[in-house]
Protein backbone atom coordinates (compact mmCIF):
# COMPACT_ATOMS: atom_id res chain seq x y z
CA MET A 1 17.93 -11.56 9.80
CA ASN A 2 17.57 -7.44 10.07
CA SER A 3 14.71 -5.92 9.14
CA ARG A 4 15.32 -5.93 5.42
CA ASP A 5 16.38 -9.34 5.38
CA ARG A 6 12.91 -10.38 6.95
CA VAL A 7 10.68 -8.39 4.87
CA MET A 8 12.19 -9.38 1.78
CA THR A 9 11.50 -13.40 2.94
CA VAL A 10 7.93 -12.47 3.27
CA LEU A 11 7.64 -11.01 -0.02
CA ARG A 12 9.36 -14.25 -1.52
CA GLY A 13 6.22 -16.32 0.60
CA GLU A 14 8.98 -17.59 2.90
CA GLU A 15 9.29 -17.80 6.79
CA PRO A 16 11.18 -15.04 8.61
CA ASP A 17 12.65 -15.07 11.75
CA ARG A 18 9.61 -12.72 13.68
CA ILE A 19 6.87 -11.36 11.56
CA PRO A 20 7.56 -8.01 10.23
CA HIS A 21 5.40 -4.79 11.05
CA PHE A 22 5.45 -1.66 9.04
CA GLU A 23 2.41 0.70 7.37
CA TRP A 24 1.97 3.19 5.11
CA ILE A 25 0.58 5.73 6.74
CA ILE A 26 1.28 6.48 10.48
CA ASP A 27 -0.29 9.82 11.26
CA PRO A 28 1.40 12.61 13.03
CA VAL A 29 -1.01 12.59 15.92
CA VAL A 30 0.18 8.98 16.91
CA ARG A 31 3.40 9.71 16.09
CA GLU A 32 3.54 12.67 18.02
CA ALA A 33 1.97 10.91 20.75
CA ILE A 34 3.84 8.09 20.96
CA CYS A 35 7.81 9.63 19.47
CA PRO A 36 7.46 13.69 20.26
CA GLY A 37 8.97 15.69 17.86
CA ALA A 38 9.77 12.42 16.02
CA SER A 39 9.31 12.01 11.85
CA MET A 40 8.09 8.92 10.07
CA GLU A 41 12.13 8.17 9.35
CA GLU A 42 12.65 8.88 13.21
CA PHE A 43 9.47 6.94 14.17
CA THR A 44 10.53 4.04 12.15
CA VAL A 45 14.05 3.78 13.74
CA ARG A 46 13.00 4.40 17.21
CA MET A 47 9.72 1.94 17.03
CA GLY A 48 12.25 -1.42 15.09
CA LEU A 49 9.94 -1.06 12.14
CA ASP A 50 11.00 -3.02 9.22
CA ALA A 51 10.33 -0.86 5.96
CA MET A 52 11.25 2.61 5.29
CA LEU A 53 8.98 4.20 2.31
CA THR A 54 9.36 7.29 0.30
CA ASP A 55 7.31 8.68 -2.92
CA PRO A 56 8.84 10.09 -6.01
CA ASP A 57 9.47 13.24 -5.39
CA TYR A 58 6.85 15.43 -7.48
CA ARG A 59 6.85 19.69 -7.01
CA SER A 60 3.59 21.17 -6.48
CA GLU A 61 2.25 25.04 -6.25
CA LYS A 62 -0.03 26.53 -3.83
CA VAL A 63 -3.02 27.75 -5.92
CA GLY A 64 -5.48 28.35 -3.04
CA GLU A 65 -6.64 27.66 0.23
CA GLY A 66 -5.69 24.14 1.23
CA LEU A 67 -5.06 24.02 -2.66
CA PHE A 68 -1.92 22.82 -4.80
CA ARG A 69 -1.12 22.03 -8.96
CA ASN A 70 1.43 19.28 -8.87
CA GLU A 71 3.40 18.81 -11.54
CA TRP A 72 0.69 16.09 -13.30
CA GLY A 73 -1.24 20.08 -13.76
CA VAL A 74 -3.57 18.41 -11.30
CA VAL A 75 -5.09 20.55 -8.45
CA VAL A 76 -5.75 18.39 -5.53
CA LYS A 77 -6.95 19.73 -2.07
CA ARG A 78 -5.19 18.77 0.99
CA GLY A 79 -7.13 17.62 4.26
CA GLU A 80 -6.62 16.75 7.47
CA GLU A 81 -5.57 13.27 6.81
CA GLN A 82 -2.26 12.41 4.65
CA HIS A 83 -4.34 12.40 1.43
CA SER A 84 -5.44 14.88 -0.78
CA THR A 85 -8.71 14.93 -3.36
CA VAL A 86 -8.68 15.91 -6.99
CA VAL A 87 -10.36 18.93 -7.32
CA GLU A 88 -9.88 19.95 -10.74
CA PRO A 89 -8.85 17.50 -13.35
CA VAL A 90 -7.01 17.87 -16.80
CA ILE A 91 -8.01 15.85 -19.58
CA ARG A 92 -11.78 15.34 -20.39
CA ASP A 93 -12.15 14.11 -23.81
CA ARG A 94 -9.54 12.81 -26.38
CA GLY A 95 -8.11 16.50 -27.27
CA ASP A 96 -7.33 17.07 -24.36
CA LEU A 97 -5.17 13.59 -24.10
CA SER A 98 -3.68 14.56 -27.45
CA ARG A 99 -2.02 17.51 -26.32
CA TYR A 100 -1.50 16.57 -22.58
CA ARG A 101 3.00 15.72 -21.19
CA PRO A 102 3.39 13.96 -18.19
CA PRO A 103 5.59 14.80 -16.35
CA ASP A 104 9.41 13.40 -16.77
CA PRO A 105 9.74 9.75 -14.68
CA ALA A 106 13.74 10.53 -15.15
CA ALA A 107 13.62 14.32 -14.19
CA PRO A 108 16.63 14.95 -11.89
CA HIS A 109 15.08 15.51 -8.71
CA ARG A 110 12.72 12.66 -9.00
CA PHE A 111 14.07 10.25 -6.58
CA GLN A 112 15.99 12.35 -4.33
CA SER A 113 14.04 11.50 -1.31
CA LEU A 114 14.57 7.54 -2.46
CA ARG A 115 18.12 8.17 -2.74
CA ARG A 116 18.81 9.49 0.88
CA LEU A 117 17.11 6.86 2.47
CA ALA A 118 19.30 4.47 0.36
CA GLU A 119 22.23 6.60 1.18
CA ARG A 120 20.93 5.97 5.32
CA TYR A 121 19.31 3.33 5.62
CA LYS A 122 20.40 0.63 2.29
CA GLY A 123 20.85 -3.20 3.22
CA LYS A 124 19.22 -2.35 6.98
CA TYR A 125 15.95 -1.39 6.36
CA ALA A 126 13.41 -2.63 3.09
CA ILE A 127 12.90 0.08 1.55
CA GLY A 128 9.87 0.50 -0.61
CA PHE A 129 8.96 3.13 -3.25
CA HIS A 130 5.42 3.56 -4.23
CA VAL A 131 4.37 3.77 -7.72
CA ASN A 132 0.81 3.30 -9.33
CA ASP A 133 0.49 0.21 -11.70
CA VAL A 134 -3.70 1.04 -13.66
CA LEU A 135 -6.01 3.06 -12.31
CA SER A 136 -4.52 6.56 -10.42
CA ILE A 137 -2.99 8.24 -12.34
CA PRO A 138 -6.20 7.75 -15.08
CA ARG A 139 -8.38 9.08 -12.57
CA ASN A 140 -6.37 11.40 -10.82
CA LEU A 141 -5.81 13.32 -14.90
CA MET A 142 -10.33 12.45 -15.48
CA GLY A 143 -11.14 13.14 -11.97
CA PHE A 144 -13.73 9.41 -10.93
CA GLU A 145 -16.86 10.04 -12.45
CA ASN A 146 -15.32 11.03 -15.80
CA LEU A 147 -13.40 8.06 -15.47
CA MET A 148 -15.91 6.08 -14.57
CA MET A 149 -18.34 7.26 -17.85
CA ALA A 150 -15.67 6.58 -19.86
CA PHE A 151 -15.44 3.33 -19.34
CA ALA A 152 -18.72 3.13 -21.44
CA THR A 153 -18.18 5.95 -23.32
CA ASP A 154 -14.45 5.74 -25.05
CA PRO A 155 -13.16 2.79 -23.98
CA ASP A 156 -10.11 3.73 -25.88
CA LEU A 157 -9.21 6.49 -24.51
CA VAL A 158 -9.77 4.86 -20.54
CA ARG A 159 -7.04 2.32 -22.70
CA ASP A 160 -4.50 4.72 -23.86
CA LEU A 161 -4.54 6.55 -20.32
CA VAL A 162 -3.92 3.03 -19.14
CA GLU A 163 -1.07 3.04 -21.39
CA MET A 164 0.02 6.08 -20.26
CA SER A 165 0.04 5.34 -16.47
CA VAL A 166 2.10 2.07 -17.08
CA ASP A 167 4.55 2.97 -19.19
CA ILE A 168 5.79 5.81 -16.63
CA ASN A 169 5.81 3.36 -13.62
CA ILE A 170 7.65 1.13 -15.72
CA ARG A 171 10.71 3.85 -16.25
CA LEU A 172 9.77 5.50 -12.81
CA ALA A 173 10.56 1.00 -11.31
CA ALA A 174 14.26 1.44 -13.75
CA GLN A 175 15.20 4.64 -12.11
CA ALA A 176 14.35 3.47 -8.28
CA ALA A 177 15.85 0.18 -8.47
CA ARG A 178 19.00 1.81 -9.60
CA ALA A 179 18.35 4.88 -6.86
CA GLY A 180 18.25 1.70 -4.15
CA ALA A 181 14.66 0.40 -3.47
CA ASP A 182 14.36 -3.27 -2.32
CA PHE A 183 10.35 -3.33 -3.63
CA LEU A 184 7.67 -1.10 -4.82
CA PHE A 185 4.60 -0.24 -3.82
CA THR A 186 1.08 0.31 -6.02
CA GLY A 187 -2.08 1.99 -4.43
CA ASP A 188 -4.64 1.90 -6.46
CA ASP A 189 -7.96 1.22 -5.31
CA TYR A 190 -10.01 -0.80 -7.33
CA SER A 191 -13.21 -1.91 -5.35
CA SER A 192 -15.74 -0.26 -2.78
CA GLY A 193 -16.20 -2.03 0.76
CA MET A 194 -19.53 -3.70 -1.47
CA ALA A 195 -17.61 -4.82 -4.86
CA PRO A 196 -15.06 -3.46 -7.65
CA PHE A 197 -15.88 -0.26 -9.51
CA ILE A 198 -16.04 -1.49 -12.66
CA SER A 199 -17.38 -4.73 -13.25
CA PRO A 200 -14.71 -7.94 -13.63
CA GLN A 201 -15.20 -8.29 -17.11
CA ALA A 202 -14.24 -4.50 -17.74
CA PHE A 203 -11.23 -5.74 -15.55
CA ARG A 204 -10.37 -7.65 -17.30
CA ASP A 205 -11.03 -5.62 -21.04
CA HIS A 206 -9.56 -2.04 -20.07
CA LEU A 207 -7.58 -2.75 -16.61
CA PHE A 208 -5.78 -6.28 -17.12
CA PRO A 209 -3.35 -6.07 -20.25
CA GLY A 210 -1.97 -3.27 -18.60
CA LEU A 211 -1.68 -4.77 -15.06
CA LYS A 212 -0.12 -7.52 -16.36
CA ARG A 213 2.43 -5.23 -17.90
CA VAL A 214 3.45 -2.83 -15.31
CA VAL A 215 3.88 -5.93 -12.81
CA THR A 216 6.03 -7.74 -15.56
CA GLY A 217 8.17 -4.72 -16.20
CA PHE A 218 8.51 -4.07 -12.38
CA HIS A 219 9.82 -7.61 -11.61
CA ASP A 220 11.74 -6.87 -14.79
CA ALA A 221 13.46 -4.07 -12.98
CA GLY A 222 14.58 -6.97 -9.83
CA LEU A 223 11.75 -5.47 -7.55
CA PRO A 224 8.92 -7.67 -5.81
CA VAL A 225 5.55 -5.45 -5.52
CA ILE A 226 3.07 -4.78 -2.71
CA LYS A 227 -0.39 -4.65 -3.83
CA HIS A 228 -2.66 -2.27 -1.98
CA THR A 229 -6.35 -2.17 -2.94
CA ASP A 230 -9.26 -1.72 0.15
CA GLY A 231 -12.54 -3.29 -1.00
CA ASN A 232 -14.27 -6.13 -1.61
CA ILE A 233 -11.91 -7.66 -4.53
CA LEU A 234 -13.16 -10.94 -4.72
CA PRO A 235 -14.43 -10.35 -8.14
CA LEU A 236 -10.98 -9.14 -8.81
CA MET A 237 -8.77 -11.95 -7.25
CA GLU A 238 -8.26 -14.03 -10.21
CA MET A 239 -6.56 -11.35 -11.97
CA ILE A 240 -4.36 -9.36 -9.31
CA LEU A 241 -3.37 -13.24 -8.96
CA GLU A 242 -2.57 -13.96 -12.69
CA ALA A 243 -0.76 -10.51 -12.79
CA GLY A 244 1.70 -11.33 -10.45
CA PHE A 245 2.24 -9.68 -7.41
CA ASP A 246 4.28 -10.51 -4.94
CA CYS A 247 2.05 -9.51 -1.86
CA LEU A 248 -1.31 -8.13 -1.08
CA ASP A 249 -2.52 -5.43 1.31
CA PRO A 250 -5.02 -4.73 3.39
CA ILE A 251 -7.35 -7.95 2.88
CA ASP A 252 -10.16 -5.65 4.13
CA PRO A 253 -12.77 -6.42 6.80
CA LEU A 254 -14.87 -3.90 5.90
CA GLY A 255 -14.66 -5.23 2.26
CA GLY A 256 -15.97 -8.65 3.85
CA LEU A 257 -12.36 -10.07 3.57
CA GLU A 258 -11.37 -12.87 6.28
CA ILE A 259 -7.73 -13.03 5.74
CA GLY A 260 -7.52 -16.98 7.54
CA LYS A 261 -9.66 -17.75 4.06
CA ILE A 262 -7.76 -15.70 2.03
CA LYS A 263 -5.06 -17.22 3.50
CA LYS A 264 -6.00 -20.76 3.21
CA GLU A 265 -7.19 -20.55 -0.45
CA TYR A 266 -4.40 -18.42 -1.91
CA GLY A 267 -1.49 -18.06 0.43
CA ASP A 268 0.62 -20.07 -1.17
CA ARG A 269 0.78 -18.19 -4.64
CA ILE A 270 0.58 -14.73 -3.05
CA ALA A 271 2.28 -12.51 0.35
CA LEU A 272 -0.34 -10.99 2.36
CA LYS A 273 -0.35 -8.03 4.51
CA GLY A 274 -2.87 -6.84 7.28
CA ASN A 275 -5.13 -6.60 8.20
CA VAL A 276 -5.60 -5.22 12.25
CA ALA A 277 -8.77 -3.24 12.02
CA CYS A 278 -8.18 0.49 11.28
CA ALA A 279 -12.13 1.48 11.62
CA GLY A 280 -13.05 -0.72 14.50
CA VAL A 281 -10.84 -2.36 16.98
CA LEU A 282 -7.90 0.09 16.19
CA VAL A 283 -10.25 3.17 16.64
CA THR A 284 -13.31 1.79 19.23
CA GLY A 285 -11.57 -0.98 21.53
CA SER A 286 -9.36 -1.54 24.84
CA VAL A 287 -5.68 -2.42 24.58
CA LYS A 288 -6.79 -6.00 25.56
CA ASP A 289 -8.96 -6.38 22.54
CA VAL A 290 -6.16 -5.04 19.88
CA VAL A 291 -4.60 -7.70 21.61
CA ARG A 292 -6.72 -10.61 20.84
CA GLU A 293 -7.61 -9.03 17.06
CA THR A 294 -3.68 -8.99 17.00
CA LEU A 295 -3.30 -12.42 17.68
CA GLU A 296 -6.13 -13.74 15.65
CA VAL A 297 -4.36 -12.32 12.55
CA MET A 298 -1.13 -13.79 13.28
CA ARG A 299 -2.70 -17.18 14.36
CA LYS A 300 -4.85 -17.14 10.91
CA ALA A 301 -1.49 -15.97 8.73
CA ALA A 302 1.55 -16.46 9.80
CA PRO A 303 1.68 -19.96 9.43
CA GLY A 304 4.57 -20.57 6.95
CA GLY A 305 5.82 -17.44 6.51
CA GLY A 306 4.55 -14.79 3.71
CA PHE A 307 2.85 -12.33 6.06
CA ILE A 308 3.26 -8.93 6.88
CA LEU A 309 1.25 -7.63 10.04
CA SER A 310 -0.24 -4.15 9.86
CA SER A 311 -3.55 -2.47 9.70
CA SER A 312 -6.29 -2.75 7.65
CA ASN A 313 -5.11 0.57 5.90
CA SER A 314 -3.19 2.80 8.00
CA ILE A 315 -2.35 3.99 11.52
CA HIS A 316 -4.81 7.31 10.60
CA SER A 317 -5.80 10.68 13.22
CA SER A 318 -8.22 8.87 14.77
CA VAL A 319 -6.73 5.62 15.85
CA ARG A 320 -6.03 5.41 19.77
CA PRO A 321 -2.40 5.40 20.13
CA GLU A 322 -1.89 2.91 22.86
CA ASN A 323 -3.88 0.91 20.67
CA TYR A 324 -1.13 0.65 18.10
CA LEU A 325 1.16 0.19 20.50
CA ALA A 326 -0.81 -3.09 21.85
CA MET A 327 -0.35 -4.18 18.13
CA TRP A 328 2.85 -3.08 17.93
CA ASN A 329 3.65 -5.31 21.33
CA THR A 330 1.71 -8.43 20.43
CA ALA A 331 3.56 -8.18 17.31
CA ARG A 332 7.11 -7.98 19.31
CA ALA A 333 5.74 -10.48 22.42
CA TYR A 334 4.47 -13.44 20.21
CA GLY A 335 5.74 -13.27 17.06
CA ALA A 336 8.98 -15.07 16.57
CA TYR A 337 9.14 -18.19 14.11
CA PRO A 338 9.02 -20.63 14.93
CA VAL A 339 5.72 -19.23 16.14
CA ASP A 340 3.37 -21.52 19.00
CA PHE A 341 0.38 -21.07 17.08
CA ALA A 342 -1.65 -23.44 20.16
CA PHE A 343 -1.58 -20.17 22.04
CA ASP A 344 -5.16 -18.82 23.72
CA PRO A 345 -5.80 -15.51 22.48
CA CYS A 346 -7.71 -14.19 25.66
CA GLY A 347 -5.17 -16.14 27.94
CA ALA A 348 -2.87 -14.10 25.92
CA ALA A 349 -4.65 -10.84 25.97
CA GLU A 350 -5.08 -10.53 29.36
CA ALA A 351 -2.06 -11.19 30.20
CA MET A 352 -0.82 -7.71 28.29
CA GLY A 353 -3.68 -5.79 28.47
């Protein structure tokens, strides 16, 4: 199998030739330490990762120090990590929504990055395209606090924003399929480490109908979907599964999720991606610690296939480069199927350390 075959096999819940590995983000600080001068694309090739990832191409203009206004009209602040924070939303009430016009999902420049990756790597790497489902776009347009308040004060406004998000992302998915994407991934977070942002009943009333519709639309475009959401999602798990996602990421240990238990209870219904702790062992552990934890994650989640090894969120700038390499090397050394799941993690860690 090549990388594309490997990932697509896992997304069908099946067993590939070896456990695939890729990350949503590998911070430039870590990349530079391992492969000096490499872009994410070059890093993927040189390290033999299994997926090439890209976003829709949205333009932005600088409006202040570290501040940018994007095509959605939202002003964001770019920090040191590869994430942006909304500082100036555009919708506060129904009047704002009635006047608002979102960016065209079929704009000619929207898929330039995807088409370039497809021209270079189609059929070799699994090409993943980032879309949203039901929460990130409403949150970005309103701001998090305003959106949370609207669940109580104007739930119809929330539902209208959700429907806007669903329509836009179904259109993006259809275009992405034509432009060469192999799978989609959504990053809308639903929970903190303790609990979902809203109650399960509010989620079912206001978000779940749109969630089910958008995943159906993704599948109608012929694309499987990986769902990323951090935190304690257990109160929402049945709705996530019922919506029809193909893979769940990252099985957040800080949210109290244990990957062996998740595999046992849900592994026959959804593939899994994760979950070596990026706020724990990858930052503070030794190389032996990382090898030991990586082996434990593989032992618990890999049997029968349907598993992608990764961190529990991303390889951020505080991850020690040698620890990322330890996880990567462990997958290469022990991840070929049929995996010997009777190995001794402590002994293997000693051997690799």
